[in-house]
PDB file of N, CA and C in Angstrom:
ATOM      1  N   UNK A   1     -58.549 -83.112  43.085  1.00  0.00           N
ATOM      2  CA  UNK A   1     -58.434 -82.326  41.972  1.00  0.00           C
ATOM      3  C   UNK A   1     -59.924 -81.356  41.690  1.00  0.00           C
ATOM      4  N   UNK A   2     -59.533 -80.084  41.559  1.00  0.00           N
ATOM      5  CA  UNK A   2     -60.930 -79.465  40.889  1.00  0.00           C
ATOM      6  C   UNK A   2     -61.213 -79.406  39.569  1.00  0.00           C
ATOM      7  N   UNK A   3     -62.552 -79.660  39.469  1.00  0.00           N
ATOM      8  CA  UNK A   3     -63.153 -80.079  38.047  1.00  0.00           C
ATOM      9  C   UNK A   3     -62.860 -79.057  37.192  1.00  0.00           C
ATOM     10  N   UNK A   4     -63.026 -77.801  37.713  1.00  0.00           N
ATOM     11  CA  UNK A   4     -63.151 -76.619  36.889  1.00  0.00           C
ATOM     12  C   UNK A   4     -61.594 -76.139  36.055  1.00  0.00           C
ATOM     13  N   UNK A   5     -60.744 -75.940  37.077  1.00  0.00           N
ATOM     14  CA  UNK A   5     -59.551 -75.413  36.197  1.00  0.00           C
ATOM     15  C   UNK A   5     -57.935 -76.701  36.444  1.00  0.00           C
ATOM     16  N   UNK A   6     -58.499 -77.569  36.772  1.00  0.00           N
ATOM     17  CA  UNK A   6     -57.219 -78.681  37.049  1.00  0.00           C
ATOM     18  C   UNK A   6     -56.294 -78.601  38.113  1.00  0.00           C
ATOM     19  N   UNK A   7     -56.564 -77.725  39.195  1.00  0.00           N
ATOM     20  CA  UNK A   7     -55.603 -77.948  39.848  1.00  0.00           C
ATOM     21  C   UNK A   7     -56.316 -78.640  41.348  1.00  0.00           C
ATOM     22  N   UNK A   8     -55.380 -79.244  42.215  1.00  0.00           N
ATOM     23  CA  UNK A   8     -56.057 -79.630  43.201  1.00  0.00           C
ATOM     24  C   UNK A   8     -56.459 -78.816  44.322  1.00  0.00           C
ATOM     25  N   UNK A   9     -57.228 -79.140  45.174  1.00  0.00           N
ATOM     26  CA  UNK A   9     -57.668 -77.969  46.429  1.00  0.00           C
ATOM     27  C   UNK A   9     -56.592 -77.676  47.204  1.00  0.00           C
ATOM     28  N   UNK A  10     -55.663 -78.237  47.403  1.00  0.00           N
ATOM     29  CA  UNK A  10     -54.710 -77.400  48.174  1.00  0.00           C
ATOM     30  C   UNK A  10     -53.586 -76.551  47.766  1.00  0.00           C
ATOM     31  N   UNK A  11     -53.889 -76.724  46.204  1.00  0.00           N
ATOM     32  CA  UNK A  11     -52.815 -75.776  45.756  1.00  0.00           C
ATOM     33  C   UNK A  11     -53.906 -74.043  45.465  1.00  0.00           C
ATOM     34  N   UNK A  12     -53.184 -72.949  45.483  1.00  0.00           N
ATOM     35  CA  UNK A  12     -53.673 -72.026  45.433  1.00  0.00           C
ATOM     36  C   UNK A  12     -53.653 -71.242  44.004  1.00  0.00           C
ATOM     37  N   UNK A  13     -54.278 -70.576  43.330  1.00  0.00           N
ATOM     38  CA  UNK A  13     -53.756 -69.860  42.204  1.00  0.00           C
ATOM     39  C   UNK A  13     -52.644 -68.776  42.289  1.00  0.00           C
ATOM     40  N   UNK A  14     -51.702 -68.788  41.505  1.00  0.00           N
ATOM     41  CA  UNK A  14     -50.876 -67.885  41.735  1.00  0.00           C
ATOM     42  C   UNK A  14     -51.494 -66.189  41.285  1.00  0.00           C
ATOM     43  N   UNK A  15     -50.859 -65.493  42.244  1.00  0.00           N
ATOM     44  CA  UNK A  15     -51.448 -63.852  41.563  1.00  0.00           C
ATOM     45  C   UNK A  15     -50.570 -63.047  41.400  1.00  0.00           C
ATOM     46  N   UNK A  16     -50.853 -62.105  40.414  1.00  0.00           N
ATOM     47  CA  UNK A  16     -49.583 -61.105  40.035  1.00  0.00           C
ATOM     48  C   UNK A  16     -49.355 -59.916  41.064  1.00  0.00           C
ATOM     49  N   UNK A  17     -48.674 -60.593  42.385  1.00  0.00           N
ATOM     50  CA  UNK A  17     -48.703 -59.817  43.044  1.00  0.00           C
ATOM     51  C   UNK A  17     -47.401 -58.293  42.802  1.00  0.00           C
ATOM     52  N   UNK A  18     -46.354 -59.192  41.784  1.00  0.00           N
ATOM     53  CA  UNK A  18     -45.137 -58.212  41.769  1.00  0.00           C
ATOM     54  C   UNK A  18     -45.442 -57.220  40.434  1.00  0.00           C
ATOM     55  N   UNK A  19     -46.706 -57.059  39.938  1.00  0.00           N
ATOM     56  CA  UNK A  19     -46.882 -56.379  38.860  1.00  0.00           C
ATOM     57  C   UNK A  19     -47.597 -55.272  39.180  1.00  0.00           C
ATOM     58  N   UNK A  20     -47.232 -54.170  39.154  1.00  0.00           N
ATOM     59  CA  UNK A  20     -47.658 -52.796  39.696  1.00  0.00           C
ATOM     60  C   UNK A  20     -48.953 -52.688  38.965  1.00  0.00           C
ATOM     61  N   UNK A  21     -50.057 -51.882  39.641  1.00  0.00           N
ATOM     62  CA  UNK A  21     -51.297 -51.757  39.467  1.00  0.00           C
ATOM     63  C   UNK A  21     -51.007 -50.929  37.794  1.00  0.00           C
ATOM     64  N   UNK A  22     -50.477 -49.700  37.643  1.00  0.00           N
ATOM     65  CA  UNK A  22     -50.376 -49.019  36.727  1.00  0.00           C
ATOM     66  C   UNK A  22     -49.094 -48.958  36.677  1.00  0.00           C
ATOM     67  N   UNK A  23     -48.421 -49.749  35.447  1.00  0.00           N
ATOM     68  CA  UNK A  23     -47.112 -49.585  35.332  1.00  0.00           C
ATOM     69  C   UNK A  23     -46.353 -48.314  34.664  1.00  0.00           C
ATOM     70  N   UNK A  24     -47.233 -47.931  33.736  1.00  0.00           N
ATOM     71  CA  UNK A  24     -46.822 -46.657  33.121  1.00  0.00           C
ATOM     72  C   UNK A  24     -47.106 -45.215  33.979  1.00  0.00           C
ATOM     73  N   UNK A  25     -47.635 -45.205  35.236  1.00  0.00           N
ATOM     74  CA  UNK A  25     -47.976 -44.445  35.853  1.00  0.00           C
ATOM     75  C   UNK A  25     -46.755 -43.946  36.667  1.00  0.00           C
ATOM     76  N   UNK A  26     -45.874 -42.873  36.662  1.00  0.00           N
ATOM     77  CA  UNK A  26     -44.846 -42.704  37.684  1.00  0.00           C
ATOM     78  C   UNK A  26     -45.490 -41.651  38.739  1.00  0.00           C
ATOM     79  N   UNK A  27     -46.821 -41.112  39.131  1.00  0.00           N
ATOM     80  CA  UNK A  27     -47.307 -40.128  39.744  1.00  0.00           C
ATOM     81  C   UNK A  27     -46.761 -40.279  41.334  1.00  0.00           C
ATOM     82  N   UNK A  28     -46.545 -39.385  41.973  1.00  0.00           N
ATOM     83  CA  UNK A  28     -46.882 -39.594  43.234  1.00  0.00           C
ATOM     84  C   UNK A  28     -47.334 -38.690  44.115  1.00  0.00           C
ATOM     85  N   UNK A  29     -48.377 -38.942  44.818  1.00  0.00           N
ATOM     86  CA  UNK A  29     -49.316 -37.631  45.412  1.00  0.00           C
ATOM     87  C   UNK A  29     -48.944 -37.560  46.774  1.00  0.00           C
ATOM     88  N   UNK A  30     -48.385 -36.312  47.022  1.00  0.00           N
ATOM     89  CA  UNK A  30     -48.163 -35.704  48.069  1.00  0.00           C
ATOM     90  C   UNK A  30     -49.087 -34.551  48.575  1.00  0.00           C
ATOM     91  N   UNK A  31     -49.331 -34.914  50.098  1.00  0.00           N
ATOM     92  CA  UNK A  31     -50.343 -33.743  50.680  1.00  0.00           C
ATOM     93  C   UNK A  31     -50.267 -34.249  51.973  1.00  0.00           C
ATOM     94  N   UNK A  32     -50.691 -33.044  52.737  1.00  0.00           N
ATOM     95  CA  UNK A  32     -51.548 -33.182  54.140  1.00  0.00           C
ATOM     96  C   UNK A  32     -52.265 -33.841  54.383  1.00  0.00           C
ATOM     97  N   UNK A  33     -52.739 -34.771  55.303  1.00  0.00           N
ATOM     98  CA  UNK A  33     -53.734 -35.737  55.517  1.00  0.00           C
ATOM     99  C   UNK A  33     -54.437 -34.519  56.705  1.00  0.00           C
ATOM    100  N   UNK A  34     -55.735 -34.716  56.192  1.00  0.00           N
ATOM    101  CA  UNK A  34     -56.576 -33.313  56.835  1.00  0.00           C
ATOM    102  C   UNK A  34     -56.725 -33.637  58.182  1.00  0.00           C
ATOM    103  N   UNK A  35     -56.861 -32.585  59.070  1.00  0.00           N
ATOM    104  CA  UNK A  35     -57.306 -32.386  60.595  1.00  0.00           C
ATOM    105  C   UNK A  35     -58.333 -33.317  60.635  1.00  0.00           C
ATOM    106  N   UNK A  36     -58.309 -34.504  61.767  1.00  0.00           N
ATOM    107  CA  UNK A  36     -59.874 -34.912  62.394  1.00  0.00           C
ATOM    108  C   UNK A  36     -60.744 -33.591  62.849  1.00  0.00           C
ATOM    109  N   UNK A  37     -62.208 -33.934  62.682  1.00  0.00           N
ATOM    110  CA  UNK A  37     -62.947 -32.877  62.915  1.00  0.00           C
ATOM    111  C   UNK A  37     -63.156 -32.882  64.356  1.00  0.00           C
ATOM    112  N   UNK A  38     -62.979 -31.733  64.925  1.00  0.00           N
ATOM    113  CA  UNK A  38     -62.553 -31.495  66.526  1.00  0.00           C
ATOM    114  C   UNK A  38     -61.549 -31.202  66.811  1.00  0.00           C
ATOM    115  N   UNK A  39     -60.372 -30.958  65.901  1.00  0.00           N
ATOM    116  CA  UNK A  39     -59.083 -30.687  66.217  1.00  0.00           C
ATOM    117  C   UNK A  39     -58.680 -29.453  66.913  1.00  0.00           C
ATOM    118  N   UNK A  40     -58.511 -29.223  68.013  1.00  0.00           N
ATOM    119  CA  UNK A  40     -58.042 -28.059  68.490  1.00  0.00           C
ATOM    120  C   UNK A  40     -56.927 -27.301  67.590  1.00  0.00           C
ATOM    121  N   UNK A  41     -57.218 -26.467  66.748  1.00  0.00           N
ATOM    122  CA  UNK A  41     -56.038 -25.806  66.424  1.00  0.00           C
ATOM    123  C   UNK A  41     -55.332 -24.589  67.033  1.00  0.00           C
ATOM    124  N   UNK A  42     -55.924 -24.140  67.748  1.00  0.00           N
ATOM    125  CA  UNK A  42     -55.417 -23.059  68.700  1.00  0.00           C
ATOM    126  C   UNK A  42     -56.064 -23.215  70.144  1.00  0.00           C
ATOM    127  N   UNK A  43     -55.508 -24.407  70.650  1.00  0.00           N
ATOM    128  CA  UNK A  43     -56.107 -24.703  72.138  1.00  0.00           C
ATOM    129  C   UNK A  43     -55.915 -23.343  73.601  1.00  0.00           C
ATOM    130  N   UNK A  44     -57.070 -23.471  73.985  1.00  0.00           N
ATOM    131  CA  UNK A  44     -57.253 -22.135  74.997  1.00  0.00           C
ATOM    132  C   UNK A  44     -56.914 -22.709  76.041  1.00  0.00           C
ATOM    133  N   UNK A  45     -57.833 -24.178  76.267  1.00  0.00           N
ATOM    134  CA  UNK A  45     -58.186 -24.661  77.896  1.00  0.00           C
ATOM    135  C   UNK A  45     -56.814 -25.904  77.702  1.00  0.00           C
ATOM    136  N   UNK A  46     -56.734 -26.367  79.079  1.00  0.00           N
ATOM    137  CA  UNK A  46     -56.383 -27.332  79.473  1.00  0.00           C
ATOM    138  C   UNK A  46     -56.610 -28.483  78.414  1.00  0.00           C
ATOM    139  N   UNK A  47     -57.926 -28.783  78.633  1.00  0.00           N
ATOM    140  CA  UNK A  47     -58.468 -30.240  77.836  1.00  0.00           C
ATOM    141  C   UNK A  47     -58.299 -29.927  76.631  1.00  0.00           C
ATOM    142  N   UNK A  48     -58.401 -28.721  76.044  1.00  0.00           N
ATOM    143  CA  UNK A  48     -57.957 -28.611  74.545  1.00  0.00           C
ATOM    144  C   UNK A  48     -56.661 -28.791  74.208  1.00  0.00           C
ATOM    145  N   UNK A  49     -55.592 -28.779  75.185  1.00  0.00           N
ATOM    146  CA  UNK A  49     -54.090 -29.074  74.694  1.00  0.00           C
ATOM    147  C   UNK A  49     -54.187 -30.706  75.089  1.00  0.00           C
ATOM    148  N   UNK A  50     -54.568 -31.291  76.021  1.00  0.00           N
ATOM    149  CA  UNK A  50     -54.812 -32.542  76.126  1.00  0.00           C
ATOM    150  C   UNK A  50     -55.415 -33.384  74.838  1.00  0.00           C
ATOM    151  N   UNK A  51     -56.329 -32.860  74.430  1.00  0.00           N
ATOM    152  CA  UNK A  51     -57.054 -33.399  73.199  1.00  0.00           C
ATOM    153  C   UNK A  51     -55.898 -33.364  72.109  1.00  0.00           C
ATOM    154  N   UNK A  52     -55.460 -32.140  71.552  1.00  0.00           N
ATOM    155  CA  UNK A  52     -54.537 -31.980  70.741  1.00  0.00           C
ATOM    156  C   UNK A  52     -53.533 -32.826  70.858  1.00  0.00           C
ATOM    157  N   UNK A  53     -53.043 -32.864  71.920  1.00  0.00           N
ATOM    158  CA  UNK A  53     -51.706 -33.891  71.881  1.00  0.00           C
ATOM    159  C   UNK A  53     -52.336 -35.443  71.672  1.00  0.00           C
ATOM    160  N   UNK A  54     -53.405 -35.780  72.171  1.00  0.00           N
ATOM    161  CA  UNK A  54     -53.632 -37.027  72.461  1.00  0.00           C
ATOM    162  C   UNK A  54     -53.686 -37.264  70.760  1.00  0.00           C
ATOM    163  N   UNK A  55     -54.501 -36.560  70.025  1.00  0.00           N
ATOM    164  CA  UNK A  55     -54.994 -36.843  68.347  1.00  0.00           C
ATOM    165  C   UNK A  55     -53.597 -37.130  67.931  1.00  0.00           C
ATOM    166  N   UNK A  56     -52.566 -35.735  68.092  1.00  0.00           N
ATOM    167  CA  UNK A  56     -51.256 -35.851  67.663  1.00  0.00           C
ATOM    168  C   UNK A  56     -50.378 -37.262  67.757  1.00  0.00           C
ATOM    169  N   UNK A  57     -50.673 -37.878  68.961  1.00  0.00           N
ATOM    170  CA  UNK A  57     -49.986 -39.205  69.202  1.00  0.00           C
ATOM    171  C   UNK A  57     -50.844 -40.604  68.844  1.00  0.00           C
ATOM    172  N   UNK A  58     -52.227 -39.796  68.265  1.00  0.00           N
ATOM    173  CA  UNK A  58     -52.846 -41.091  67.768  1.00  0.00           C
ATOM    174  C   UNK A  58     -53.437 -41.933  68.931  1.00  0.00           C
ATOM    175  N   UNK A  59     -53.690 -41.757  70.126  1.00  0.00           N
ATOM    176  CA  UNK A  59     -53.845 -42.473  71.495  1.00  0.00           C
ATOM    177  C   UNK A  59     -55.421 -42.071  71.605  1.00  0.00           C
ATOM    178  N   UNK A  60     -56.133 -43.083  72.449  1.00  0.00           N
ATOM    179  CA  UNK A  60     -57.604 -43.420  72.641  1.00  0.00           C
ATOM    180  C   UNK A  60     -57.369 -42.397  73.847  1.00  0.00           C
ATOM    181  N   UNK A  61     -58.683 -42.003  74.326  1.00  0.00           N
ATOM    182  CA  UNK A  61     -58.839 -41.352  75.494  1.00  0.00           C
ATOM    183  C   UNK A  61     -58.675 -42.228  77.100  1.00  0.00           C
ATOM    184  N   UNK A  62     -58.931 -43.923  76.642  1.00  0.00           N
ATOM    185  CA  UNK A  62     -57.903 -44.748  77.491  1.00  0.00           C
ATOM    186  C   UNK A  62     -57.076 -44.717  78.015  1.00  0.00           C
ATOM    187  N   UNK A  63     -56.383 -44.951  76.863  1.00  0.00           N
ATOM    188  CA  UNK A  63     -54.872 -44.720  76.960  1.00  0.00           C
ATOM    189  C   UNK A  63     -54.518 -43.646  78.039  1.00  0.00           C
ATOM    190  N   UNK A  64     -54.816 -42.138  77.290  1.00  0.00           N
ATOM    191  CA  UNK A  64     -53.966 -40.950  78.030  1.00  0.00           C
ATOM    192  C   UNK A  64     -54.472 -41.289  79.330  1.00  0.00           C
ATOM    193  N   UNK A  65     -55.890 -41.714  79.817  1.00  0.00           N
ATOM    194  CA  UNK A  65     -56.340 -41.747  81.298  1.00  0.00           C
ATOM    195  C   UNK A  65     -55.507 -42.487  82.055  1.00  0.00           C
ATOM    196  N   UNK A  66     -54.849 -43.783  81.147  1.00  0.00           N
ATOM    197  CA  UNK A  66     -53.976 -44.694  81.899  1.00  0.00           C
ATOM    198  C   UNK A  66     -52.667 -43.895  81.905  1.00  0.00           C
ATOM    199  N   UNK A  67     -51.844 -42.968  81.183  1.00  0.00           N
ATOM    200  CA  UNK A  67     -50.870 -42.622  81.579  1.00  0.00           C
ATOM    201  C   UNK A  67     -50.955 -41.557  82.288  1.00  0.00           C
ATOM    202  N   UNK A  68     -52.041 -40.929  82.609  1.00  0.00           N
ATOM    203  CA  UNK A  68     -52.198 -39.850  83.361  1.00  0.00           C
ATOM    204  C   UNK A  68     -52.352 -40.238  84.900  1.00  0.00           C
ATOM    205  N   UNK A  69     -53.377 -41.328  85.085  1.00  0.00           N
ATOM    206  CA  UNK A  69     -53.601 -41.972  86.232  1.00  0.00           C
ATOM    207  C   UNK A  69     -55.079 -41.506  86.582  1.00  0.00           C
ATOM    208  N   UNK A  70     -56.096 -41.301  85.436  1.00  0.00           N
ATOM    209  CA  UNK A  70     -57.190 -40.799  86.000  1.00  0.00           C
ATOM    210  C   UNK A  70     -58.438 -41.902  84.899  1.00  0.00           C
ATOM    211  N   UNK A  71     -59.656 -41.640  85.288  1.00  0.00           N
ATOM    212  CA  UNK A  71     -60.668 -42.281  84.460  1.00  0.00           C
ATOM    213  C   UNK A  71     -60.677 -41.972  83.450  1.00  0.00           C
ATOM    214  N   UNK A  72     -61.158 -43.053  82.230  1.00  0.00           N
ATOM    215  CA  UNK A  72     -61.327 -42.464  80.681  1.00  0.00           C
ATOM    216  C   UNK A  72     -62.364 -41.269  80.557  1.00  0.00           C
ATOM    217  N   UNK A  73     -63.392 -41.291  81.576  1.00  0.00           N
ATOM    218  CA  UNK A  73     -64.751 -40.755  81.692  1.00  0.00           C
ATOM    219  C   UNK A  73     -64.381 -39.114  82.075  1.00  0.00           C
ATOM    220  N   UNK A  74     -62.737 -39.264  82.949  1.00  0.00           N
ATOM    221  CA  UNK A  74     -62.414 -37.669  83.344  1.00  0.00           C
ATOM    222  C   UNK A  74     -61.462 -37.118  82.127  1.00  0.00           C
ATOM    223  N   UNK A  75     -61.109 -38.091  81.416  1.00  0.00           N
ATOM    224  CA  UNK A  75     -60.291 -37.368  80.524  1.00  0.00           C
ATOM    225  C   UNK A  75     -61.564 -36.627  79.231  1.00  0.00           C
ATOM    226  N   UNK A  76     -62.056 -37.632  79.081  1.00  0.00           N
ATOM    227  CA  UNK A  76     -63.538 -36.919  77.927  1.00  0.00           C
ATOM    228  C   UNK A  76     -64.333 -35.607  78.852  1.00  0.00           C
ATOM    229  N   UNK A  77     -64.184 -35.754  79.903  1.00  0.00           N
ATOM    230  CA  UNK A  77     -64.925 -34.322  80.229  1.00  0.00           C
ATOM    231  C   UNK A  77     -63.907 -33.120  80.175  1.00  0.00           C
ATOM    232  N   UNK A  78     -62.725 -33.558  80.652  1.00  0.00           N
ATOM    233  CA  UNK A  78     -61.626 -32.518  80.295  1.00  0.00           C
ATOM    234  C   UNK A  78     -61.633 -31.965  78.859  1.00  0.00           C
ATOM    235  N   UNK A  79     -61.474 -33.039  77.748  1.00  0.00           N
ATOM    236  CA  UNK A  79     -61.452 -32.619  76.769  1.00  0.00           C
ATOM    237  C   UNK A  79     -63.052 -31.938  76.126  1.00  0.00           C
ATOM    238  N   UNK A  80     -64.194 -32.133  76.786  1.00  0.00           N
ATOM    239  CA  UNK A  80     -65.123 -31.285  76.322  1.00  0.00           C
ATOM    240  C   UNK A  80     -65.436 -30.269  77.016  1.00  0.00           C
ATOM    241  N   UNK A  81     -64.528 -29.826  77.880  1.00  0.00           N
ATOM    242  CA  UNK A  81     -64.609 -28.292  78.696  1.00  0.00           C
ATOM    243  C   UNK A  81     -65.724 -28.775  80.112  1.00  0.00           C
ATOM    244  N   UNK A  82     -66.283 -29.917  80.349  1.00  0.00           N
ATOM    245  CA  UNK A  82     -67.307 -29.908  81.558  1.00  0.00           C
ATOM    246  C   UNK A  82     -66.705 -29.482  82.706  1.00  0.00           C
ATOM    247  N   UNK A  83     -65.345 -29.970  82.801  1.00  0.00           N
ATOM    248  CA  UNK A  83     -64.978 -29.659  84.285  1.00  0.00           C
ATOM    249  C   UNK A  83     -63.238 -29.552  84.077  1.00  0.00           C
ATOM    250  N   UNK A  84     -62.456 -29.143  84.917  1.00  0.00           N
ATOM    251  CA  UNK A  84     -60.990 -28.728  84.687  1.00  0.00           C
ATOM    252  C   UNK A  84     -60.272 -29.853  85.481  1.00  0.00           C
ATOM    253  N   UNK A  85     -59.105 -30.071  85.096  1.00  0.00           N
ATOM    254  CA  UNK A  85     -57.982 -30.956  86.071  1.00  0.00           C
ATOM    255  C   UNK A  85     -57.888 -30.284  87.539  1.00  0.00           C
ATOM    256  N   UNK A  86     -57.889 -31.523  88.595  1.00  0.00           N
ATOM    257  CA  UNK A  86     -57.549 -30.893  89.502  1.00  0.00           C
ATOM    258  C   UNK A  86     -55.929 -30.577  89.948  1.00  0.00           C
ATOM    259  N   UNK A  87     -55.596 -29.681  91.049  1.00  0.00           N
ATOM    260  CA  UNK A  87     -54.231 -29.488  91.161  1.00  0.00           C
ATOM    261  C   UNK A  87     -53.382 -30.545  90.834  1.00  0.00           C
ATOM    262  N   UNK A  88     -53.817 -31.783  91.636  1.00  0.00           N
ATOM    263  CA  UNK A  88     -52.578 -32.379  91.856  1.00  0.00           C
ATOM    264  C   UNK A  88     -52.537 -33.752  90.700  1.00  0.00           C
ATOM    265  N   UNK A  89     -53.249 -33.266  89.337  1.00  0.00           N
ATOM    266  CA  UNK A  89     -53.177 -34.293  88.298  1.00  0.00           C
ATOM    267  C   UNK A  89     -52.191 -33.244  87.415  1.00  0.00           C
ATOM    268  N   UNK A  90     -51.765 -31.939  87.680  1.00  0.00           N
ATOM    269  CA  UNK A  90     -51.219 -31.194  86.804  1.00  0.00           C
ATOM    270  C   UNK A  90     -49.473 -31.606  86.588  1.00  0.00           C
ATOM    271  N   UNK A  91     -48.611 -32.247  87.219  1.00  0.00           N
ATOM    272  CA  UNK A  91     -47.626 -32.851  87.095  1.00  0.00           C
ATOM    273  C   UNK A  91     -47.547 -34.243  85.792  1.00  0.00           C
ATOM    274  N   UNK A  92     -48.673 -34.778  86.363  1.00  0.00           N
ATOM    275  CA  UNK A  92     -48.691 -35.872  85.265  1.00  0.00           C
ATOM    276  C   UNK A  92     -48.981 -35.466  83.957  1.00  0.00           C
ATOM    277  N   UNK A  93     -50.428 -34.404  83.687  1.00  0.00           N
ATOM    278  CA  UNK A  93     -50.559 -33.872  82.560  1.00  0.00           C
ATOM    279  C   UNK A  93     -49.469 -32.975  81.893  1.00  0.00           C
ATOM    280  N   UNK A  94     -48.402 -32.454  82.947  1.00  0.00           N
ATOM    281  CA  UNK A  94     -47.543 -31.643  81.943  1.00  0.00           C
ATOM    282  C   UNK A  94     -46.132 -32.741  81.551  1.00  0.00           C
ATOM    283  N   UNK A  95     -46.072 -33.887  82.066  1.00  0.00           N
ATOM    284  CA  UNK A  95     -45.441 -34.801  81.610  1.00  0.00           C
ATOM    285  C   UNK A  95     -46.017 -35.514  80.327  1.00  0.00           C
ATOM    286  N   UNK A  96     -47.247 -35.398  80.458  1.00  0.00           N
ATOM    287  CA  UNK A  96     -47.887 -36.046  79.102  1.00  0.00           C
ATOM    288  C   UNK A  96     -47.818 -35.272  77.824  1.00  0.00           C
ATOM    289  N   UNK A  97     -48.110 -33.709  78.254  1.00  0.00           N
ATOM    290  CA  UNK A  97     -47.949 -33.050  77.046  1.00  0.00           C
ATOM    291  C   UNK A  97     -46.403 -32.657  76.980  1.00  0.00           C
ATOM    292  N   UNK A  98     -45.486 -32.581  77.278  1.00  0.00           N
ATOM    293  CA  UNK A  98     -44.065 -32.149  77.265  1.00  0.00           C
ATOM    294  C   UNK A  98     -43.742 -31.146  77.327  1.00  0.00           C
ATOM    295  N   UNK A  99     -44.593 -30.049  77.846  1.00  0.00           N
ATOM    296  CA  UNK A  99     -45.001 -28.427  77.979  1.00  0.00           C
ATOM    297  C   UNK A  99     -45.650 -28.137  79.344  1.00  0.00           C
ATOM    298  N   UNK A 100     -45.623 -26.913  79.610  1.00  0.00           N
ATOM    299  CA  UNK A 100     -46.595 -26.463  80.695  1.00  0.00           C
ATOM    300  C   UNK A 100     -47.271 -25.381  80.209  1.00  0.00           C
ATOM    301  N   UNK A 101     -48.351 -25.540  79.611  1.00  0.00           N
ATOM    302  CA  UNK A 101     -49.777 -25.030  79.186  1.00  0.00           C
ATOM    303  C   UNK A 101     -50.151 -23.862  79.806  1.00  0.00           C
ATOM    304  N   UNK A 102     -49.919 -23.382  80.698  1.00  0.00           N
ATOM    305  CA  UNK A 102     -50.268 -22.476  82.083  1.00  0.00           C
ATOM    306  C   UNK A 102     -49.645 -21.396  81.680  1.00  0.00           C
ATOM    307  N   UNK A 103     -50.046 -20.158  81.868  1.00  0.00           N
ATOM    308  CA  UNK A 103     -49.410 -18.860  81.434  1.00  0.00           C
ATOM    309  C   UNK A 103     -48.546 -18.706  83.079  1.00  0.00           C
ATOM    310  N   UNK A 104     -47.439 -18.132  82.562  1.00  0.00           N
ATOM    311  CA  UNK A 104     -46.017 -18.250  83.524  1.00  0.00           C
ATOM    312  C   UNK A 104     -46.513 -17.175  84.522  1.00  0.00           C
ATOM    313  N   UNK A 105     -47.365 -16.130  84.299  1.00  0.00           N
ATOM    314  CA  UNK A 105     -47.984 -15.227  85.319  1.00  0.00           C
ATOM    315  C   UNK A 105     -47.169 -14.035  85.147  1.00  0.00           C
ATOM    316  N   UNK A 106     -47.701 -12.590  85.588  1.00  0.00           N
ATOM    317  CA  UNK A 106     -46.845 -11.188  85.396  1.00  0.00           C
ATOM    318  C   UNK A 106     -46.058 -11.102  86.678  1.00  0.00           C
ATOM    319  N   UNK A 107     -46.884 -11.246  88.034  1.00  0.00           N
ATOM    320  CA  UNK A 107     -46.428 -11.035  88.785  1.00  0.00           C
ATOM    321  C   UNK A 107     -45.671 -11.586  89.561  1.00  0.00           C
ATOM    322  N   UNK A 108     -45.246 -11.116  90.991  1.00  0.00           N
ATOM    323  CA  UNK A 108     -44.549 -12.124  91.687  1.00  0.00           C
ATOM    324  C   UNK A 108     -45.246 -13.200  92.263  1.00  0.00           C
ATOM    325  N   UNK A 109     -46.220 -12.679  92.693  1.00  0.00           N
ATOM    326  CA  UNK A 109     -47.572 -13.641  92.979  1.00  0.00           C
ATOM    327  C   UNK A 109     -48.084 -15.114  92.248  1.00  0.00           C
ATOM    328  N   UNK A 110     -48.157 -14.587  90.918  1.00  0.00           N
ATOM    329  CA  UNK A 110     -48.655 -15.319  90.088  1.00  0.00           C
ATOM    330  C   UNK A 110     -47.427 -16.102  89.645  1.00  0.00           C
ATOM    331  N   UNK A 111     -46.429 -16.016  89.575  1.00  0.00           N
ATOM    332  CA  UNK A 111     -44.984 -16.722  89.253  1.00  0.00           C
ATOM    333  C   UNK A 111     -44.667 -17.831  90.454  1.00  0.00           C
ATOM    334  N   UNK A 112     -44.997 -17.455  91.853  1.00  0.00           N
ATOM    335  CA  UNK A 112     -44.934 -18.452  92.585  1.00  0.00           C
ATOM    336  C   UNK A 112     -46.074 -19.276  93.052  1.00  0.00           C
ATOM    337  N   UNK A 113     -47.144 -19.103  92.485  1.00  0.00           N
ATOM    338  CA  UNK A 113     -48.249 -19.876  92.485  1.00  0.00           C
ATOM    339  C   UNK A 113     -48.327 -20.796  91.400  1.00  0.00           C
ATOM    340  N   UNK A 114     -47.816 -20.493  89.992  1.00  0.00           N
ATOM    341  CA  UNK A 114     -47.737 -21.445  88.983  1.00  0.00           C
ATOM    342  C   UNK A 114     -46.547 -22.377  89.328  1.00  0.00           C
ATOM    343  N   UNK A 115     -45.014 -21.818  89.931  1.00  0.00           N
ATOM    344  CA  UNK A 115     -44.156 -22.881  90.632  1.00  0.00           C
ATOM    345  C   UNK A 115     -44.579 -23.933  91.567  1.00  0.00           C
ATOM    346  N   UNK A 116     -45.689 -23.467  92.263  1.00  0.00           N
ATOM    347  CA  UNK A 116     -46.081 -25.012  93.189  1.00  0.00           C
ATOM    348  C   UNK A 116     -47.055 -25.323  92.416  1.00  0.00           C
TER     349      UNK A 116
END
């Protein structure tokens, strides 16, 4: 038994977990969570599209790299704009994004190149 409050060491004092902190306040705060610093609002490059989707899904660069099949440093360089994805990664990137961010092209040659 504890000498201070008369309870044994095995018992824990009961906490008031069912009592709300402010029982008289019935206010509900609503608002949008602020966007993280560096969030691309209007993505222009493929790396910005990847970064935006990654942040929206709450993923790390390592998890995105695993999904696409590249090294995490590669994803970091794409997002920073240091280099651009190779053509053979485009199908995996488009699957990750859920859409094709590349422009469709205006001429027949550009549309064929985009389709390939």
